Amino acid sequence: MSQNKNALIRYKTIDKCLQNQYRKWTLEDLMEACSEALFEYEGKESSVSKRTTQLDIQLMRSEKLGYNAPIVVYEKKYYKYEDEEYTITDIPLTETDINVLTETVSMLKQFKDFSLFNDVSDILQRLEDKIYAEKSHTQPVIYLDKNENLKGLHFLDTLYQAIIKKVVVVLTYKSFKSRESQQFIFHPFVLKEFNNRWFLIGKKKAAMPIVNLALDRIEAVDFDFSHTYAEENFNAENFYKDVIGVTVNQGQRVRNIRLWIDTENAPYVITKPFHHSQKVEERQKGGSIVISLMLNINYEFERLIMGFGEGIEVLAPESLRQRIREKHKKALKKYDQPVK
């Protein structure tokens, strides 16, 4: 049990004792009560020292924990609450406390699909109840984009466990290009999120290249303990450092890309760079700019460029410029035809 949790148990035990005004509580009595409470929670002998109990009382009296407990000593040996109605469980939350807790709970709940957050789920529920009781109309001011209906999210924890325990998995997978589902062995390395979608990164065989699989295309996950996990010193940060998104075309060299950005989009691109390699090469009259990037060109990057429409022009390399040009031509043809 963590030391923080031990301390909370002791505080609650001392609080419960001092609420009982029909008994006189010495320091030794409080020490014994705390030791019994820890034994009940941990299932093993745990003797609380005199010094620890004295420090607990001192902390409960102080503002450090927010308790400001009115603990007094009478007859030079007994402890009690000067205010007989006082208890640390009834301390009201300030408005700042409520706002901070509301946003914290909101953000933590985004990770509910991972088992490592199971231990705090009941705490989150109690926090929500407390917040509602204190200020029922509080609205979150931080909103994280998410898609609750996205398929495959229920596999997140199973795959997470397989990765940390280094277990080979058997996936039933149906890509967008396949008519039928396929079942194959997979060695999972990391889970990666991009553009509100989750991907599993790993290998089908140790000698094969690293691939990414979209979780929303996974139909079933099972474990295969008969295969040895492909140990690999996989560094996700290095692997993805030259790309935008999740597709890494291994063997393809990094290219120097030059883009013209119009006046309307220039401030957006400057304040939110496409990639860490982005540099402003030229600031033109009227507010437009030319930027450069050192990237491994992939599907996600081309889709990003297309998303800006006429706001971006590829200046180099020529092969990328022509590819984007052809895509715009095909798109224009569709608008030249009447709607059916």
Protein backbone atom coordinates (compact mmCIF):
# COMPACT_ATOMS: atom_id res chain seq x y z
CA MET A 1 0.00 0.00 0.00
CA SER A 2 1.37 3.45 -0.86
CA GLN A 3 2.48 5.78 1.89
CA ASN A 4 -0.08 8.37 0.78
CA LYS A 5 -2.90 5.87 1.21
CA ASN A 6 -1.51 4.83 4.59
CA ALA A 7 -1.57 8.45 5.69
CA LEU A 8 -5.17 8.94 4.53
CA ILE A 9 -6.25 5.88 6.50
CA ARG A 10 -4.56 7.27 9.63
CA TYR A 11 -6.20 10.70 9.17
CA LYS A 12 -9.64 9.14 8.78
CA THR A 13 -9.06 6.91 11.80
CA ILE A 14 -7.98 9.81 14.03
CA ASP A 15 -10.96 11.79 12.76
CA LYS A 16 -13.35 8.95 13.59
CA CYS A 17 -11.88 8.60 17.08
CA LEU A 18 -12.10 12.30 17.90
CA GLN A 19 -15.72 12.43 16.73
CA ASN A 20 -16.50 10.06 19.61
CA GLN A 21 -16.89 12.54 22.44
CA TYR A 22 -17.87 9.83 24.92
CA ARG A 23 -14.38 8.48 25.21
CA LYS A 24 -11.12 10.09 26.28
CA TRP A 25 -8.38 9.63 23.67
CA THR A 26 -4.72 9.54 24.63
CA LEU A 27 -1.92 9.58 22.06
CA GLU A 28 -1.39 5.87 22.71
CA ASP A 29 -5.10 5.19 22.04
CA LEU A 30 -4.87 6.96 18.69
CA MET A 31 -1.68 5.07 17.81
CA GLU A 32 -3.40 1.76 18.57
CA ALA A 33 -6.51 2.70 16.57
CA CYS A 34 -4.39 3.64 13.54
CA SER A 35 -2.41 0.40 13.77
CA GLU A 36 -5.64 -1.64 13.86
CA ALA A 37 -7.06 0.26 10.88
CA LEU A 38 -3.94 -0.39 8.81
CA PHE A 39 -4.02 -4.06 9.80
CA GLU A 40 -7.63 -4.25 8.62
CA TYR A 41 -6.73 -2.78 5.22
CA GLU A 42 -3.36 -4.47 4.66
CA GLY A 43 -3.88 -7.79 6.45
CA LYS A 44 -0.54 -7.57 8.20
CA GLU A 45 0.80 -6.15 11.45
CA SER A 46 1.63 -2.47 11.12
CA SER A 47 2.59 -0.59 14.26
CA VAL A 48 2.15 3.18 14.01
CA SER A 49 4.79 5.08 15.97
CA LYS A 50 4.25 7.89 18.44
CA ARG A 51 6.17 10.27 16.20
CA THR A 52 4.00 9.41 13.17
CA THR A 53 0.78 10.01 15.11
CA GLN A 54 2.06 13.35 16.44
CA LEU A 55 2.97 14.45 12.90
CA ASP A 56 -0.46 13.34 11.64
CA ILE A 57 -2.19 15.47 14.28
CA GLN A 58 0.06 18.39 13.43
CA LEU A 59 -0.74 18.09 9.72
CA MET A 60 -4.46 17.78 10.38
CA ARG A 61 -4.32 20.99 12.42
CA SER A 62 -2.49 22.87 9.67
CA GLU A 63 -3.71 24.39 6.40
CA LYS A 64 -1.43 22.10 4.38
CA LEU A 65 -4.11 19.43 3.94
CA GLY A 66 -6.96 21.91 4.00
CA TYR A 67 -8.34 20.39 7.22
CA ASN A 68 -7.52 23.09 9.82
CA ALA A 69 -8.78 20.53 12.32
CA PRO A 70 -9.56 22.09 15.76
CA ILE A 71 -7.69 19.38 17.70
CA VAL A 72 -6.96 20.39 21.29
CA VAL A 73 -5.33 18.72 24.30
CA TYR A 74 -7.06 18.81 27.66
CA GLU A 75 -5.95 17.62 31.06
CA LYS A 76 -2.46 17.56 29.46
CA LYS A 77 -2.97 14.08 27.92
CA TYR A 78 -6.32 13.71 26.14
CA TYR A 79 -7.16 14.76 22.56
CA LYS A 80 -10.50 15.97 21.22
CA TYR A 81 -12.16 18.26 18.68
CA GLU A 82 -12.89 21.65 20.20
CA ASP A 83 -15.85 21.85 17.84
CA GLU A 84 -17.86 18.71 18.58
CA GLU A 85 -19.55 18.85 15.14
CA TYR A 86 -16.27 18.94 13.22
CA THR A 87 -15.11 16.16 10.87
CA ILE A 88 -12.57 16.22 8.05
CA THR A 89 -15.11 14.58 5.72
CA ASP A 90 -17.38 17.64 5.78
CA ILE A 91 -14.87 20.24 4.60
CA PRO A 92 -16.58 22.23 1.82
CA LEU A 93 -14.88 22.49 -1.56
CA THR A 94 -13.98 25.96 -2.78
CA GLU A 95 -15.09 27.10 -6.22
CA THR A 96 -11.51 26.72 -7.44
CA ASP A 97 -11.41 23.16 -6.07
CA ILE A 98 -14.62 22.33 -7.91
CA ASN A 99 -13.39 23.74 -11.22
CA VAL A 100 -10.05 21.94 -11.01
CA LEU A 101 -11.69 18.64 -10.04
CA THR A 102 -14.29 18.91 -12.78
CA GLU A 103 -11.66 19.28 -15.48
CA THR A 104 -9.40 16.61 -13.96
CA VAL A 105 -12.23 14.08 -13.83
CA SER A 106 -13.25 14.95 -17.39
CA MET A 107 -9.74 14.35 -18.72
CA LEU A 108 -9.09 11.14 -16.77
CA LYS A 109 -12.33 9.64 -18.02
CA GLN A 110 -10.93 9.75 -21.57
CA PHE A 111 -8.74 6.79 -20.58
CA LYS A 112 -11.47 4.56 -19.18
CA ASP A 113 -10.65 1.80 -21.69
CA PHE A 114 -7.29 1.08 -20.04
CA SER A 115 -7.14 -1.26 -17.05
CA LEU A 116 -4.37 0.76 -15.44
CA PHE A 117 -7.08 3.33 -14.64
CA ASN A 118 -9.39 0.76 -13.04
CA ASP A 119 -8.04 1.57 -9.59
CA VAL A 120 -9.14 5.19 -9.88
CA SER A 121 -12.55 4.59 -11.46
CA ASP A 122 -14.32 4.43 -8.10
CA ILE A 123 -12.44 7.54 -6.97
CA LEU A 124 -13.58 9.36 -10.11
CA GLN A 125 -17.18 8.35 -9.41
CA ARG A 126 -16.97 9.67 -5.86
CA LEU A 127 -15.36 12.87 -7.07
CA GLU A 128 -18.17 13.38 -9.56
CA ASP A 129 -20.73 12.79 -6.83
CA LYS A 130 -18.98 15.26 -4.54
CA ILE A 131 -18.72 17.87 -7.29
CA TYR A 132 -22.39 17.44 -8.19
CA ALA A 133 -23.40 17.82 -4.56
CA GLU A 134 -21.32 20.97 -4.16
CA LYS A 135 -22.23 22.64 -7.43
CA SER A 136 -24.65 20.67 -9.56
CA HIS A 137 -24.61 23.03 -12.52
CA THR A 138 -20.86 23.15 -13.05
CA GLN A 139 -19.98 22.72 -16.72
CA PRO A 140 -16.55 21.55 -17.99
CA VAL A 141 -14.48 24.23 -19.74
CA ILE A 142 -11.99 21.73 -21.22
CA TYR A 143 -13.35 19.40 -23.86
CA LEU A 144 -11.17 16.72 -25.46
CA ASP A 145 -12.18 15.53 -28.90
CA LYS A 146 -13.24 11.88 -28.86
CA ASN A 147 -15.41 9.45 -30.76
CA GLU A 148 -17.24 7.07 -28.42
CA ASN A 149 -18.72 5.16 -31.39
CA LEU A 150 -15.35 4.34 -32.96
CA LYS A 151 -15.02 0.58 -33.44
CA GLY A 152 -12.20 -1.37 -31.80
CA LEU A 153 -11.82 0.75 -28.67
CA HIS A 154 -12.78 -2.24 -26.51
CA PHE A 155 -9.58 -3.96 -27.71
CA LEU A 156 -7.38 -1.20 -26.28
CA ASP A 157 -6.80 -2.79 -22.91
CA THR A 158 -6.33 -6.33 -24.24
CA LEU A 159 -3.64 -5.10 -26.63
CA TYR A 160 -2.09 -2.90 -23.96
CA GLN A 161 -1.75 -5.91 -21.67
CA ALA A 162 -0.23 -7.99 -24.50
CA ILE A 163 2.39 -5.31 -25.15
CA ILE A 164 3.51 -4.81 -21.54
CA LYS A 165 3.54 -8.59 -20.92
CA LYS A 166 5.21 -9.30 -24.29
CA VAL A 167 2.64 -11.79 -25.52
CA VAL A 168 2.02 -12.69 -29.17
CA VAL A 169 -1.56 -12.10 -30.31
CA VAL A 170 -3.77 -13.66 -32.96
CA LEU A 171 -5.73 -10.99 -34.81
CA THR A 172 -8.80 -11.33 -36.98
CA TYR A 173 -8.44 -8.32 -39.25
CA LYS A 174 -10.31 -6.93 -42.23
CA SER A 175 -8.62 -4.08 -44.07
CA PHE A 176 -10.58 -1.63 -46.18
CA LYS A 177 -9.16 -3.27 -49.32
CA SER A 178 -10.03 -6.87 -48.36
CA ARG A 179 -13.34 -8.59 -49.01
CA GLU A 180 -12.72 -11.24 -46.38
CA SER A 181 -11.27 -11.13 -42.86
CA GLN A 182 -7.81 -12.54 -42.31
CA GLN A 183 -6.39 -14.20 -39.21
CA PHE A 184 -2.68 -13.91 -38.47
CA ILE A 185 -0.05 -13.89 -35.73
CA PHE A 186 1.12 -10.44 -34.62
CA HIS A 187 3.87 -9.15 -32.33
CA PRO A 188 2.56 -5.86 -30.84
CA PHE A 189 5.04 -3.11 -29.92
CA VAL A 190 3.07 0.09 -29.20
CA LEU A 191 -0.37 1.67 -29.44
CA LYS A 192 -0.53 5.03 -31.24
CA GLU A 193 -3.32 7.56 -31.57
CA PHE A 194 -3.56 9.87 -34.57
CA ASN A 195 -6.42 12.06 -35.73
CA ASN A 196 -8.79 10.51 -33.19
CA ARG A 197 -8.06 6.94 -34.36
CA TRP A 198 -6.02 4.24 -32.64
CA PHE A 199 -3.40 2.05 -34.31
CA LEU A 200 -1.50 -1.05 -33.24
CA ILE A 201 2.15 -1.01 -34.31
CA GLY A 202 4.18 -4.22 -34.61
CA LYS A 203 5.24 -7.08 -36.86
CA LYS A 204 3.63 -10.20 -38.28
CA LYS A 205 7.01 -11.97 -38.12
CA ALA A 206 10.36 -10.99 -36.63
CA ALA A 207 11.98 -10.73 -40.09
CA MET A 208 9.14 -8.67 -41.58
CA PRO A 209 8.84 -4.85 -41.60
CA ILE A 210 6.94 -2.90 -38.97
CA VAL A 211 3.31 -2.21 -39.90
CA ASN A 212 0.38 -0.33 -38.38
CA LEU A 213 -3.10 -1.78 -38.00
CA ALA A 214 -6.20 0.33 -37.37
CA LEU A 215 -8.09 -0.82 -34.27
CA ASP A 216 -11.41 -0.15 -35.99
CA ARG A 217 -10.56 -2.89 -38.51
CA ILE A 218 -9.75 -5.51 -35.86
CA GLU A 219 -12.62 -7.97 -35.39
CA ALA A 220 -11.14 -10.26 -32.72
CA VAL A 221 -8.06 -10.60 -30.52
CA ASP A 222 -6.70 -13.76 -28.94
CA PHE A 223 -3.40 -14.72 -27.28
CA ASP A 224 -0.88 -17.22 -28.65
CA PHE A 225 1.48 -18.43 -25.92
CA SER A 226 3.11 -21.03 -28.20
CA HIS A 227 4.99 -18.39 -30.21
CA THR A 228 8.02 -16.58 -28.80
CA TYR A 229 7.52 -12.82 -28.68
CA ALA A 230 9.81 -10.97 -31.12
CA GLU A 231 12.02 -8.96 -28.80
CA GLU A 232 12.95 -5.70 -30.50
CA ASN A 233 14.39 -2.47 -29.21
CA PHE A 234 11.59 -0.47 -30.80
CA ASN A 235 11.76 3.28 -30.19
CA ALA A 236 8.49 4.88 -31.31
CA GLU A 237 9.87 8.42 -31.05
CA ASN A 238 12.74 7.66 -33.45
CA PHE A 239 10.55 5.57 -35.74
CA TYR A 240 8.01 8.37 -36.26
CA LYS A 241 10.31 11.39 -36.09
CA ASP A 242 10.29 11.99 -39.88
CA VAL A 243 6.58 11.47 -40.57
CA ILE A 244 3.19 12.97 -39.92
CA GLY A 245 0.68 10.32 -38.86
CA VAL A 246 1.32 6.57 -38.57
CA THR A 247 2.48 5.42 -42.03
CA VAL A 248 6.25 4.99 -42.30
CA ASN A 249 7.42 4.00 -45.78
CA GLN A 250 10.54 2.18 -44.67
CA GLY A 251 13.45 2.53 -47.06
CA GLN A 252 12.12 5.79 -48.46
CA ARG A 253 14.45 8.74 -47.92
CA VAL A 254 13.51 11.94 -46.16
CA ARG A 255 12.66 14.71 -48.64
CA ASN A 256 13.04 18.46 -48.49
CA ILE A 257 9.50 19.77 -49.05
CA ARG A 258 8.69 23.42 -49.85
CA LEU A 259 5.14 24.73 -49.52
CA TRP A 260 3.54 28.09 -50.27
CA ILE A 261 0.85 29.05 -47.74
CA ASP A 262 -1.69 31.76 -48.49
CA THR A 263 -2.30 34.81 -46.30
CA GLU A 264 -5.39 33.36 -44.63
CA ASN A 265 -3.72 30.12 -43.52
CA ALA A 266 -0.21 31.42 -42.79
CA PRO A 267 -0.90 32.41 -39.15
CA TYR A 268 -2.43 28.97 -38.49
CA VAL A 269 0.55 27.12 -39.99
CA ILE A 270 3.06 29.32 -38.13
CA THR A 271 1.42 28.91 -34.73
CA LYS A 272 0.66 25.21 -35.24
CA PRO A 273 3.52 23.74 -37.30
CA PHE A 274 2.87 20.64 -39.38
CA HIS A 275 6.09 19.03 -38.08
CA HIS A 276 9.02 19.81 -35.80
CA SER A 277 11.28 20.26 -38.87
CA GLN A 278 9.14 23.12 -40.23
CA LYS A 279 10.95 26.39 -41.02
CA VAL A 280 9.64 29.65 -42.47
CA GLU A 281 11.87 30.25 -45.51
CA GLU A 282 10.20 33.38 -46.87
CA ARG A 283 7.62 35.96 -45.79
CA GLN A 284 5.96 37.52 -48.83
CA LYS A 285 4.08 40.75 -49.31
CA GLY A 286 0.46 40.45 -48.32
CA GLY A 287 1.12 37.87 -45.59
CA SER A 288 1.71 34.64 -47.50
CA ILE A 289 4.74 32.51 -46.60
CA VAL A 290 6.95 29.74 -47.93
CA ILE A 291 7.88 26.97 -45.51
CA SER A 292 10.19 23.97 -45.70
CA LEU A 293 9.90 20.55 -44.06
CA MET A 294 12.16 17.49 -43.88
CA LEU A 295 9.75 14.56 -44.13
CA ASN A 296 9.14 11.04 -45.28
CA ILE A 297 6.15 11.67 -47.59
CA ASN A 298 3.16 9.48 -46.75
CA TYR A 299 -0.61 9.25 -47.20
CA GLU A 300 -1.37 11.30 -44.08
CA PHE A 301 0.83 14.19 -45.21
CA GLU A 302 -0.74 14.28 -48.68
CA ARG A 303 -4.19 14.23 -47.12
CA LEU A 304 -3.19 17.13 -44.86
CA ILE A 305 -2.12 19.17 -47.89
CA MET A 306 -5.33 18.37 -49.75
CA GLY A 307 -7.34 19.49 -46.74
CA PHE A 308 -6.09 23.06 -47.19
CA GLY A 309 -7.41 23.18 -50.77
CA GLU A 310 -6.28 26.30 -52.62
CA GLY A 311 -4.59 27.58 -49.45
CA ILE A 312 -1.45 25.50 -50.09
CA GLU A 313 0.75 25.04 -53.15
CA VAL A 314 3.48 22.40 -53.30
CA LEU A 315 6.64 24.00 -54.71
CA ALA A 316 8.95 21.01 -54.29
CA PRO A 317 9.63 18.17 -54.80
CA GLU A 318 8.22 18.03 -58.33
CA SER A 319 6.89 14.46 -57.91
CA LEU A 320 4.73 15.52 -54.96
CA ARG A 321 3.63 18.67 -56.77
CA GLN A 322 2.39 16.63 -59.75
CA ARG A 323 0.64 14.07 -57.53
CA ILE A 324 -1.29 16.77 -55.64
CA ARG A 325 -2.04 18.50 -58.97
CA GLU A 326 -3.63 15.32 -60.35
CA LYS A 327 -5.74 14.87 -57.24
CA HIS A 328 -7.06 18.43 -57.50
CA LYS A 329 -7.83 17.89 -61.21
CA LYS A 330 -9.86 14.77 -60.44
CA ALA A 331 -11.71 16.62 -57.68
CA LEU A 332 -12.46 19.54 -60.01
CA LYS A 333 -13.92 17.16 -62.63
CA LYS A 334 -16.49 16.00 -60.12
CA TYR A 335 -17.64 19.58 -59.55
CA ASP A 336 -17.76 20.26 -63.27
CA GLN A 337 -20.45 17.59 -63.60
CA PRO A 338 -24.07 18.19 -62.55
CA VAL A 339 -25.25 16.48 -59.36
CA LYS A 340 -27.03 13.22 -60.21
